Amino acid sequence: GGAAWPEVRLAVSERRRELVLRGPELEERVRLRGLDPAVFELPLLQHLELGAGLGTLPGEVCGLRALRSLVLRGNNLRQLPEQLGLLSELRSLDVSGNKLQCVPASLGLLTQLRGLNLSWNLLEELPLGLSRCSSLTHLQLSHNRLRQLPPDIMENPLSLLTSLCAASNSIHTLGPSINRLPAL
């Protein structure tokens, strides 16, 4: 069936590369009927911003292979689809202000990723493999429950990382290996 939401119907008809869906009216629609699945029928989409009180992110988002920017800030997400690593063109992922307790290890497959914002969540640890995100320049981890930075980003330094923010966590010591991040 066609798109139920006029914003999505328009985006489909115009073959849009960018779609922003956020605000109280959309939150009400999501609460009552869920997200319009036609969002995932936009193969050219490069920027998707969803801020409509989502409790879950449908795995179909991982079929949007042209996505370069995914903004899921300020939802109620508790987890992300494991297949997120399939979004090989992704340059920026913002999942700040959610209720994430973990993030999928497949994030390590996102070698084009430059900006990763995981701040304001409930993360106690990060998966091994983030060091494979070799293009990462900005990593935001503040306001979580992290006890340490991921050991592998110290052992296999992210050579392009220029910004690492990990304030308001439970990290007591960074250790000498922090010096291995050459661009910081």
C-alpha atoms as a PDB file:
ATOM      1  CA  GLY A   1       0.000   0.000   0.000  1.00  0.00           C
ATOM      2  CA  GLY A   2       1.066   3.578  -0.609  1.00  0.00           C
ATOM      3  CA  ALA A   3       2.420   5.988   1.945  1.00  0.00           C
ATOM      4  CA  ALA A   4      -0.049   6.830   4.699  1.00  0.00           C
ATOM      5  CA  TRP A   5       1.672  10.037   5.819  1.00  0.00           C
ATOM      6  CA  PRO A   6       1.446  13.038   3.458  1.00  0.00           C
ATOM      7  CA  GLU A   7       5.093  13.965   4.192  1.00  0.00           C
ATOM      8  CA  VAL A   8       6.236  10.499   3.172  1.00  0.00           C
ATOM      9  CA  ARG A   9       3.900  10.350   0.147  1.00  0.00           C
ATOM     10  CA  LEU A  10       5.425  13.630  -1.069  1.00  0.00           C
ATOM     11  CA  ALA A  11       8.965  12.380  -0.462  1.00  0.00           C
ATOM     12  CA  VAL A  12       8.243   9.195  -2.435  1.00  0.00           C
ATOM     13  CA  SER A  13       6.681  11.111  -5.349  1.00  0.00           C
ATOM     14  CA  GLU A  14       9.565  13.612  -5.472  1.00  0.00           C
ATOM     15  CA  ARG A  15      12.238  10.894  -5.077  1.00  0.00           C
ATOM     16  CA  ARG A  16      13.659  12.856  -2.159  1.00  0.00           C
ATOM     17  CA  ARG A  17      17.183  12.453  -0.844  1.00  0.00           C
ATOM     18  CA  GLU A  18      16.365  14.035   2.507  1.00  0.00           C
ATOM     19  CA  LEU A  19      13.508  13.441   4.962  1.00  0.00           C
ATOM     20  CA  VAL A  20      12.972  14.986   8.395  1.00  0.00           C
ATOM     21  CA  LEU A  21      10.105  13.652  10.502  1.00  0.00           C
ATOM     22  CA  ARG A  22       9.961  15.107  13.996  1.00  0.00           C
ATOM     23  CA  GLY A  23       7.575  16.884  16.326  1.00  0.00           C
ATOM     24  CA  PRO A  24       4.582  16.327  18.612  1.00  0.00           C
ATOM     25  CA  GLU A  25       2.058  15.664  15.829  1.00  0.00           C
ATOM     26  CA  LEU A  26       4.249  12.893  14.405  1.00  0.00           C
ATOM     27  CA  GLU A  27       4.824  11.480  17.899  1.00  0.00           C
ATOM     28  CA  GLU A  28       1.067  11.117  18.223  1.00  0.00           C
ATOM     29  CA  ARG A  29       0.844   9.307  14.862  1.00  0.00           C
ATOM     30  CA  VAL A  30       3.674   6.958  15.849  1.00  0.00           C
ATOM     31  CA  ARG A  31       2.023   6.283  19.207  1.00  0.00           C
ATOM     32  CA  LEU A  32      -1.307   5.440  17.573  1.00  0.00           C
ATOM     33  CA  ARG A  33      -0.282   3.627  14.384  1.00  0.00           C
ATOM     34  CA  GLY A  34       3.489   3.266  14.293  1.00  0.00           C
ATOM     35  CA  LEU A  35       5.905   4.677  11.762  1.00  0.00           C
ATOM     36  CA  ASP A  36       4.777   4.800   8.122  1.00  0.00           C
ATOM     37  CA  PRO A  37       6.677   1.854   6.542  1.00  0.00           C
ATOM     38  CA  ALA A  38       6.827   3.750   3.229  1.00  0.00           C
ATOM     39  CA  VAL A  39       9.748   5.681   4.799  1.00  0.00           C
ATOM     40  CA  PHE A  40      11.834   2.627   3.945  1.00  0.00           C
ATOM     41  CA  GLU A  41      10.821   2.744   0.280  1.00  0.00           C
ATOM     42  CA  LEU A  42      13.019   5.744  -0.511  1.00  0.00           C
ATOM     43  CA  PRO A  43      16.103   4.169  -2.144  1.00  0.00           C
ATOM     44  CA  LEU A  44      17.791   7.523  -2.878  1.00  0.00           C
ATOM     45  CA  LEU A  45      17.486   8.799   0.711  1.00  0.00           C
ATOM     46  CA  GLN A  46      20.793  10.194   1.986  1.00  0.00           C
ATOM     47  CA  HIS A  47      19.616  12.030   5.125  1.00  0.00           C
ATOM     48  CA  LEU A  48      16.941  10.667   7.437  1.00  0.00           C
ATOM     49  CA  GLU A  49      15.940  12.340  10.680  1.00  0.00           C
ATOM     50  CA  LEU A  50      13.328  10.624  12.831  1.00  0.00           C
ATOM     51  CA  GLY A  51      12.339  12.281  16.096  1.00  0.00           C
ATOM     52  CA  ALA A  52       8.839  11.093  16.792  1.00  0.00           C
ATOM     53  CA  GLY A  53       9.111   9.266  20.110  1.00  0.00           C
ATOM     54  CA  LEU A  54      10.133   5.983  18.480  1.00  0.00           C
ATOM     55  CA  GLY A  55      10.405   3.063  20.897  1.00  0.00           C
ATOM     56  CA  THR A  56      11.946   0.779  18.274  1.00  0.00           C
ATOM     57  CA  LEU A  57      13.734   1.352  15.004  1.00  0.00           C
ATOM     58  CA  PRO A  58      12.495  -1.061  12.322  1.00  0.00           C
ATOM     59  CA  GLY A  59      15.254  -3.164  10.779  1.00  0.00           C
ATOM     60  CA  GLU A  60      14.048  -2.007   7.349  1.00  0.00           C
ATOM     61  CA  VAL A  61      16.042   1.200   7.900  1.00  0.00           C
ATOM     62  CA  CYS A  62      19.098  -0.918   7.095  1.00  0.00           C
ATOM     63  CA  GLY A  63      17.789  -1.280   3.537  1.00  0.00           C
ATOM     64  CA  LEU A  64      18.310   2.437   2.888  1.00  0.00           C
ATOM     65  CA  ARG A  65      21.766   1.785   1.464  1.00  0.00           C
ATOM     66  CA  ALA A  66      22.332   5.355   0.186  1.00  0.00           C
ATOM     67  CA  LEU A  67      22.003   6.862   3.705  1.00  0.00           C
ATOM     68  CA  ARG A  68      24.876   9.141   4.651  1.00  0.00           C
ATOM     69  CA  SER A  69      23.282  10.716   7.711  1.00  0.00           C
ATOM     70  CA  LEU A  70      20.909   9.095  10.214  1.00  0.00           C
ATOM     71  CA  VAL A  71      19.609  11.275  13.045  1.00  0.00           C
ATOM     72  CA  LEU A  72      17.545   9.499  15.710  1.00  0.00           C
ATOM     73  CA  ARG A  73      18.123  12.048  18.474  1.00  0.00           C
ATOM     74  CA  GLY A  74      15.584  12.309  21.290  1.00  0.00           C
ATOM     75  CA  ASN A  75      13.523   9.159  20.820  1.00  0.00           C
ATOM     76  CA  ASN A  76      12.880   6.310  23.277  1.00  0.00           C
ATOM     77  CA  LEU A  77      15.071   3.732  21.569  1.00  0.00           C
ATOM     78  CA  ARG A  78      16.369   0.951  23.797  1.00  0.00           C
ATOM     79  CA  GLN A  79      18.289  -0.823  21.041  1.00  0.00           C
ATOM     80  CA  LEU A  80      19.369  -0.463  17.425  1.00  0.00           C
ATOM     81  CA  PRO A  81      19.039  -3.080  14.687  1.00  0.00           C
ATOM     82  CA  GLU A  82      22.057  -5.390  14.521  1.00  0.00           C
ATOM     83  CA  GLN A  83      22.139  -4.908  10.717  1.00  0.00           C
ATOM     84  CA  LEU A  84      22.958  -1.187  11.092  1.00  0.00           C
ATOM     85  CA  GLY A  85      26.468  -2.016   9.890  1.00  0.00           C
ATOM     86  CA  LEU A  86      24.999  -2.643   6.411  1.00  0.00           C
ATOM     87  CA  LEU A  87      24.634   1.136   5.919  1.00  0.00           C
ATOM     88  CA  SER A  88      28.086   1.304   4.341  1.00  0.00           C
ATOM     89  CA  GLU A  89      27.709   4.905   3.094  1.00  0.00           C
ATOM     90  CA  LEU A  90      26.844   6.273   6.548  1.00  0.00           C
ATOM     91  CA  ARG A  91      28.997   9.293   7.492  1.00  0.00           C
ATOM     92  CA  SER A  92      27.051  10.499  10.541  1.00  0.00           C
ATOM     93  CA  LEU A  93      24.998   8.644  13.148  1.00  0.00           C
ATOM     94  CA  ASP A  94      23.297  10.563  15.967  1.00  0.00           C
ATOM     95  CA  VAL A  95      21.396   8.449  18.485  1.00  0.00           C
ATOM     96  CA  SER A  96      21.810  10.846  21.396  1.00  0.00           C
ATOM     97  CA  GLY A  97      19.048  11.309  23.949  1.00  0.00           C
ATOM     98  CA  ASN A  98      17.626   7.800  23.816  1.00  0.00           C
ATOM     99  CA  LYS A  99      17.540   4.889  26.279  1.00  0.00           C
ATOM    100  CA  LEU A 100      20.146   2.708  24.597  1.00  0.00           C
ATOM    101  CA  GLN A 101      21.785   0.167  26.878  1.00  0.00           C
ATOM    102  CA  CYS A 102      23.949  -1.287  24.130  1.00  0.00           C
ATOM    103  CA  VAL A 103      24.839  -0.631  20.510  1.00  0.00           C
ATOM    104  CA  PRO A 104      25.369  -3.322  17.881  1.00  0.00           C
ATOM    105  CA  ALA A 105      28.876  -4.593  17.200  1.00  0.00           C
ATOM    106  CA  SER A 106      28.119  -4.120  13.497  1.00  0.00           C
ATOM    107  CA  LEU A 107      28.832  -0.377  13.976  1.00  0.00           C
ATOM    108  CA  GLY A 108      32.450  -1.445  13.474  1.00  0.00           C
ATOM    109  CA  LEU A 109      31.619  -2.126   9.819  1.00  0.00           C
ATOM    110  CA  LEU A 110      30.871   1.564   9.179  1.00  0.00           C
ATOM    111  CA  THR A 111      34.263   2.498   7.768  1.00  0.00           C
ATOM    112  CA  GLN A 112      32.954   5.769   6.240  1.00  0.00           C
ATOM    113  CA  LEU A 113      31.523   6.974   9.577  1.00  0.00           C
ATOM    114  CA  ARG A 114      32.958  10.365  10.597  1.00  0.00           C
ATOM    115  CA  GLY A 115      30.634  11.391  13.421  1.00  0.00           C
ATOM    116  CA  LEU A 116      29.111   9.111  16.065  1.00  0.00           C
ATOM    117  CA  ASN A 117      26.971  10.645  18.810  1.00  0.00           C
ATOM    118  CA  LEU A 118      25.982   8.183  21.536  1.00  0.00           C
ATOM    119  CA  SER A 119      25.613  10.766  24.322  1.00  0.00           C
ATOM    120  CA  TRP A 120      22.703  10.923  26.776  1.00  0.00           C
ATOM    121  CA  ASN A 121      21.934   7.202  26.791  1.00  0.00           C
ATOM    122  CA  LEU A 122      22.296   4.373  29.319  1.00  0.00           C
ATOM    123  CA  LEU A 123      25.381   2.713  27.823  1.00  0.00           C
ATOM    124  CA  GLU A 124      27.598   0.804  30.248  1.00  0.00           C
ATOM    125  CA  GLU A 125      30.002  -0.441  27.596  1.00  0.00           C
ATOM    126  CA  LEU A 126      30.711  -0.141  23.911  1.00  0.00           C
ATOM    127  CA  PRO A 127      31.271  -3.059  21.558  1.00  0.00           C
ATOM    128  CA  LEU A 128      34.709  -4.087  20.436  1.00  0.00           C
ATOM    129  CA  GLY A 129      35.296  -3.245  16.809  1.00  0.00           C
ATOM    130  CA  LEU A 130      34.724   0.521  16.896  1.00  0.00           C
ATOM    131  CA  SER A 131      38.412   0.871  16.039  1.00  0.00           C
ATOM    132  CA  ARG A 132      37.494  -0.357  12.542  1.00  0.00           C
ATOM    133  CA  CYS A 133      35.561   2.917  12.024  1.00  0.00           C
ATOM    134  CA  SER A 134      38.769   4.301  10.573  1.00  0.00           C
ATOM    135  CA  SER A 135      37.219   7.556   9.269  1.00  0.00           C
ATOM    136  CA  LEU A 136      35.848   8.588  12.689  1.00  0.00           C
ATOM    137  CA  THR A 137      36.734  12.183  13.590  1.00  0.00           C
ATOM    138  CA  HIS A 138      34.098  12.932  16.275  1.00  0.00           C
ATOM    139  CA  LEU A 139      32.997  10.520  19.000  1.00  0.00           C
ATOM    140  CA  GLN A 140      30.467  11.757  21.576  1.00  0.00           C
ATOM    141  CA  LEU A 141      29.986   9.471  24.570  1.00  0.00           C
ATOM    142  CA  SER A 142      29.040  11.897  27.345  1.00  0.00           C
ATOM    143  CA  HIS A 143      26.217  11.312  29.834  1.00  0.00           C
ATOM    144  CA  ASN A 144      26.209   7.519  29.816  1.00  0.00           C
ATOM    145  CA  ARG A 145      27.261   4.906  32.375  1.00  0.00           C
ATOM    146  CA  LEU A 146      30.557   3.930  30.766  1.00  0.00           C
ATOM    147  CA  ARG A 147      33.252   2.668  33.111  1.00  0.00           C
ATOM    148  CA  GLN A 148      35.982   2.729  30.466  1.00  0.00           C
ATOM    149  CA  LEU A 149      36.619   3.731  26.905  1.00  0.00           C
ATOM    150  CA  PRO A 150      36.560   0.814  24.455  1.00  0.00           C
ATOM    151  CA  PRO A 151      39.965  -0.846  24.825  1.00  0.00           C
ATOM    152  CA  ASP A 152      40.297  -1.528  21.121  1.00  0.00           C
ATOM    153  CA  ILE A 153      40.250   2.185  20.184  1.00  0.00           C
ATOM    154  CA  MET A 154      43.316   2.547  22.403  1.00  0.00           C
ATOM    155  CA  GLU A 155      45.058  -0.530  20.986  1.00  0.00           C
ATOM    156  CA  ASN A 156      44.178   0.255  17.350  1.00  0.00           C
ATOM    157  CA  PRO A 157      44.075   4.035  17.480  1.00  0.00           C
ATOM    158  CA  LEU A 158      41.586   6.012  15.452  1.00  0.00           C
ATOM    159  CA  SER A 159      44.161   8.159  13.698  1.00  0.00           C
ATOM    160  CA  LEU A 160      41.659  10.784  12.470  1.00  0.00           C
ATOM    161  CA  LEU A 161      39.806  11.235  15.786  1.00  0.00           C
ATOM    162  CA  THR A 162      39.997  14.940  16.694  1.00  0.00           C
ATOM    163  CA  SER A 163      37.110  15.106  19.174  1.00  0.00           C
ATOM    164  CA  LEU A 164      36.330  12.641  21.951  1.00  0.00           C
ATOM    165  CA  CYS A 165      33.798  13.734  24.563  1.00  0.00           C
ATOM    166  CA  ALA A 166      33.143  11.299  27.406  1.00  0.00           C
ATOM    167  CA  ALA A 167      32.095  13.613  30.271  1.00  0.00           C
ATOM    168  CA  SER A 168      29.532  12.538  32.881  1.00  0.00           C
ATOM    169  CA  ASN A 169      30.259   8.821  32.822  1.00  0.00           C
ATOM    170  CA  SER A 170      31.723   6.459  35.420  1.00  0.00           C
ATOM    171  CA  ILE A 171      35.216   6.529  33.901  1.00  0.00           C
ATOM    172  CA  HIS A 172      37.701   6.957  36.722  1.00  0.00           C
ATOM    173  CA  THR A 173      40.909   6.854  34.745  1.00  0.00           C
ATOM    174  CA  LEU A 174      41.782   7.118  31.070  1.00  0.00           C
ATOM    175  CA  GLY A 175      45.135   5.365  31.409  1.00  0.00           C
ATOM    176  CA  PRO A 176      48.317   6.090  29.468  1.00  0.00           C
ATOM    177  CA  SER A 177      46.952   4.561  26.260  1.00  0.00           C
ATOM    178  CA  ILE A 178      44.873   7.723  25.669  1.00  0.00           C
ATOM    179  CA  ASN A 179      48.113   9.145  24.241  1.00  0.00           C
ATOM    180  CA  ARG A 180      47.830   6.692  21.362  1.00  0.00           C
ATOM    181  CA  LEU A 181      45.039   8.762  19.770  1.00  0.00           C
ATOM    182  CA  PRO A 182      47.337  10.964  17.667  1.00  0.00           C
ATOM    183  CA  ALA A 183      44.875  13.606  16.459  1.00  0.00           C
ATOM    184  CA  LEU A 184      43.408  14.391  19.904  1.00  0.00           C
END
